[in-house]
Every structure is written in C-alpha cells, then in structure tokens.
C-alpha cells in the first residue's frame, strides 16, 4: 500500500462565536439544582464498619484476653470433662 504525500492545505474547523458557546452551556447553578432535585435519588452513605471487627466494644471494654487470662482459661479447661475441653481448647 502506498501513501499519498500530504498537501499543505488544511480545512479550518468551524468555530462558534463566544456568545453562541455561552448560551449552549447550562449554568452551573441550574445544572446543580437539577441534579439535586426531587427526582434524583441521593446515594446513601456507606454503613459504619461492624462493631465486631474492633478490639474494643462501644463502651471501651476490650474484646480479647490477656496472656494471663488465656493461661488461666486453658488450665481451667484442662480440669473440665472431655466435652468442655473439646470446645474450649
């Protein structure tokens, strides 16, 4: 495929006068009002993260055991019967 050489001629694009361009664009205030009118539903804010994912409860109590509390729990579980040990270890 051979290419034809370019000629130096270009066609200018039609340009609207500034007044015509300004009339064609809606004003920002009207556009913003149209978007927030009664027919447009607003997207709700995302829900807060579940409380179960934090290390503390809403009132500040911790949701975890310290090393000493864990050891005491495991010692008590060793002395319990088999079914309790199975679910607690």
C-alpha atoms as a PDB file:
ATOM      1  CA  UNK A   1       0.000   0.000   0.000  1.00  0.00           C
ATOM      2  CA  UNK A   2       1.472   3.315  -0.997  1.00  0.00           C
ATOM      3  CA  UNK A   3       0.791   6.551   0.799  1.00  0.00           C
ATOM      4  CA  UNK A   4      -0.034   9.745  -0.951  1.00  0.00           C
ATOM      5  CA  UNK A   5       2.065  12.731   0.012  1.00  0.00           C
ATOM      6  CA  UNK A   6       0.292  15.287   2.183  1.00  0.00           C
ATOM      7  CA  UNK A   7      -0.533  18.596   0.732  1.00  0.00           C
ATOM      8  CA  UNK A   8      -0.052  21.683   2.859  1.00  0.00           C
ATOM      9  CA  UNK A   9      -3.754  22.513   2.725  1.00  0.00           C
ATOM     10  CA  UNK A  10      -5.911  22.070   5.815  1.00  0.00           C
ATOM     11  CA  UNK A  11      -9.533  22.940   6.308  1.00  0.00           C
ATOM     12  CA  UNK A  12     -10.237  25.052   9.364  1.00  0.00           C
ATOM     13  CA  UNK A  13     -12.872  23.731  11.755  1.00  0.00           C
ATOM     14  CA  UNK A  14     -15.974  25.869  12.155  1.00  0.00           C
ATOM     15  CA  UNK A  15     -15.831  27.944  15.339  1.00  0.00           C
ATOM     16  CA  UNK A  16     -18.902  29.313  17.032  1.00  0.00           C
ATOM     17  CA  UNK A  17     -18.761  32.883  18.282  1.00  0.00           C
ATOM     18  CA  UNK A  18     -18.253  33.202  22.084  1.00  0.00           C
ATOM     19  CA  UNK A  19     -21.857  34.316  22.666  1.00  0.00           C
ATOM     20  CA  UNK A  20     -23.241  31.188  20.986  1.00  0.00           C
ATOM     21  CA  UNK A  21     -20.975  28.924  23.046  1.00  0.00           C
ATOM     22  CA  UNK A  22     -22.028  30.576  26.325  1.00  0.00           C
ATOM     23  CA  UNK A  23     -25.708  30.114  25.536  1.00  0.00           C
ATOM     24  CA  UNK A  24     -25.213  26.458  24.649  1.00  0.00           C
ATOM     25  CA  UNK A  25     -23.751  25.581  28.081  1.00  0.00           C
ATOM     26  CA  UNK A  26     -26.153  25.406  31.041  1.00  0.00           C
ATOM     27  CA  UNK A  27     -25.248  27.477  34.045  1.00  0.00           C
ATOM     28  CA  UNK A  28     -23.630  25.605  36.937  1.00  0.00           C
ATOM     29  CA  UNK A  29     -26.287  26.678  39.422  1.00  0.00           C
ATOM     30  CA  UNK A  30     -29.133  25.413  37.290  1.00  0.00           C
ATOM     31  CA  UNK A  31     -27.245  22.245  36.495  1.00  0.00           C
ATOM     32  CA  UNK A  32     -26.501  21.609  40.180  1.00  0.00           C
ATOM     33  CA  UNK A  33     -30.114  22.298  41.151  1.00  0.00           C
ATOM     34  CA  UNK A  34     -31.336  19.881  38.509  1.00  0.00           C
ATOM     35  CA  UNK A  35     -29.113  17.131  39.880  1.00  0.00           C
ATOM     36  CA  UNK A  36     -30.282  17.529  43.472  1.00  0.00           C
ATOM     37  CA  UNK A  37     -33.991  17.924  42.705  1.00  0.00           C
ATOM     38  CA  UNK A  38     -36.759  15.665  43.980  1.00  0.00           C
ATOM     39  CA  UNK A  39     -36.495  13.267  41.007  1.00  0.00           C
ATOM     40  CA  UNK A  40     -32.854  12.418  41.687  1.00  0.00           C
ATOM     41  CA  UNK A  41     -32.121   9.906  44.429  1.00  0.00           C
ATOM     42  CA  UNK A  42     -29.089  10.564  46.587  1.00  0.00           C
ATOM     43  CA  UNK A  43     -26.798   7.657  47.261  1.00  0.00           C
ATOM     44  CA  UNK A  44     -26.786   6.771  50.952  1.00  0.00           C
ATOM     45  CA  UNK A  45     -23.601   6.982  52.981  1.00  0.00           C
ATOM     46  CA  UNK A  46     -21.831   3.642  53.413  1.00  0.00           C
ATOM     47  CA  UNK A  47     -22.697   1.849  56.639  1.00  0.00           C
ATOM     48  CA  UNK A  48     -20.215   2.080  59.513  1.00  0.00           C
ATOM     49  CA  UNK A  49     -17.909  -0.921  59.963  1.00  0.00           C
ATOM     50  CA  UNK A  50     -19.391  -3.668  62.100  1.00  0.00           C
ATOM     51  CA  UNK A  51     -18.637  -3.362  65.806  1.00  0.00           C
ATOM     52  CA  UNK A  52     -17.493  -6.992  65.909  1.00  0.00           C
ATOM     53  CA  UNK A  53     -14.343  -6.106  63.965  1.00  0.00           C
ATOM     54  CA  UNK A  54     -12.800  -3.824  66.602  1.00  0.00           C
ATOM     55  CA  UNK A  55     -10.670  -4.709  69.605  1.00  0.00           C
ATOM     56  CA  UNK A  56     -12.955  -2.795  71.976  1.00  0.00           C
ATOM     57  CA  UNK A  57     -16.706  -2.519  72.492  1.00  0.00           C
ATOM     58  CA  UNK A  58     -18.600   0.750  72.056  1.00  0.00           C
ATOM     59  CA  UNK A  59     -18.211   1.489  75.797  1.00  0.00           C
ATOM     60  CA  UNK A  60     -14.439   0.833  75.717  1.00  0.00           C
ATOM     61  CA  UNK A  61     -14.238  -2.688  77.155  1.00  0.00           C
ATOM     62  CA  UNK A  62     -11.697  -4.941  75.465  1.00  0.00           C
ATOM     63  CA  UNK A  63     -12.835  -7.991  73.480  1.00  0.00           C
ATOM     64  CA  UNK A  64      -9.696 -10.074  73.939  1.00  0.00           C
ATOM     65  CA  UNK A  65      -7.923 -11.993  76.696  1.00  0.00           C
ATOM     66  CA  UNK A  66      -4.540 -11.098  78.083  1.00  0.00           C
ATOM     67  CA  UNK A  67      -1.844 -13.797  78.200  1.00  0.00           C
ATOM     68  CA  UNK A  68      -2.543 -14.423  81.900  1.00  0.00           C
ATOM     69  CA  UNK A  69      -6.298 -14.699  81.345  1.00  0.00           C
ATOM     70  CA  UNK A  70      -5.725 -17.103  78.443  1.00  0.00           C
ATOM     71  CA  UNK A  71      -3.446 -19.348  80.527  1.00  0.00           C
ATOM     72  CA  UNK A  72      -5.955 -19.392  83.404  1.00  0.00           C
ATOM     73  CA  UNK A  73      -8.745 -20.318  80.979  1.00  0.00           C
ATOM     74  CA  UNK A  74      -6.738 -23.184  79.469  1.00  0.00           C
ATOM     75  CA  UNK A  75      -5.808 -24.511  82.953  1.00  0.00           C
ATOM     76  CA  UNK A  76      -9.484 -24.493  83.937  1.00  0.00           C
ATOM     77  CA  UNK A  77     -10.427 -26.172  80.655  1.00  0.00           C
ATOM     78  CA  UNK A  78      -7.915 -28.995  81.290  1.00  0.00           C
ATOM     79  CA  UNK A  79      -9.715 -29.844  84.522  1.00  0.00           C
ATOM     80  CA  UNK A  80     -13.156 -29.905  82.883  1.00  0.00           C
ATOM     81  CA  UNK A  81     -14.718 -33.016  81.361  1.00  0.00           C
ATOM     82  CA  UNK A  82     -13.968 -34.077  77.773  1.00  0.00           C
ATOM     83  CA  UNK A  83     -16.860 -32.273  76.002  1.00  0.00           C
ATOM     84  CA  UNK A  84     -15.971 -28.924  77.598  1.00  0.00           C
ATOM     85  CA  UNK A  85     -12.277 -29.379  76.778  1.00  0.00           C
ATOM     86  CA  UNK A  86     -13.098 -30.120  73.138  1.00  0.00           C
ATOM     87  CA  UNK A  87     -14.991 -26.842  72.697  1.00  0.00           C
ATOM     88  CA  UNK A  88     -12.656 -24.665  74.753  1.00  0.00           C
ATOM     89  CA  UNK A  89      -9.174 -25.594  73.559  1.00  0.00           C
END
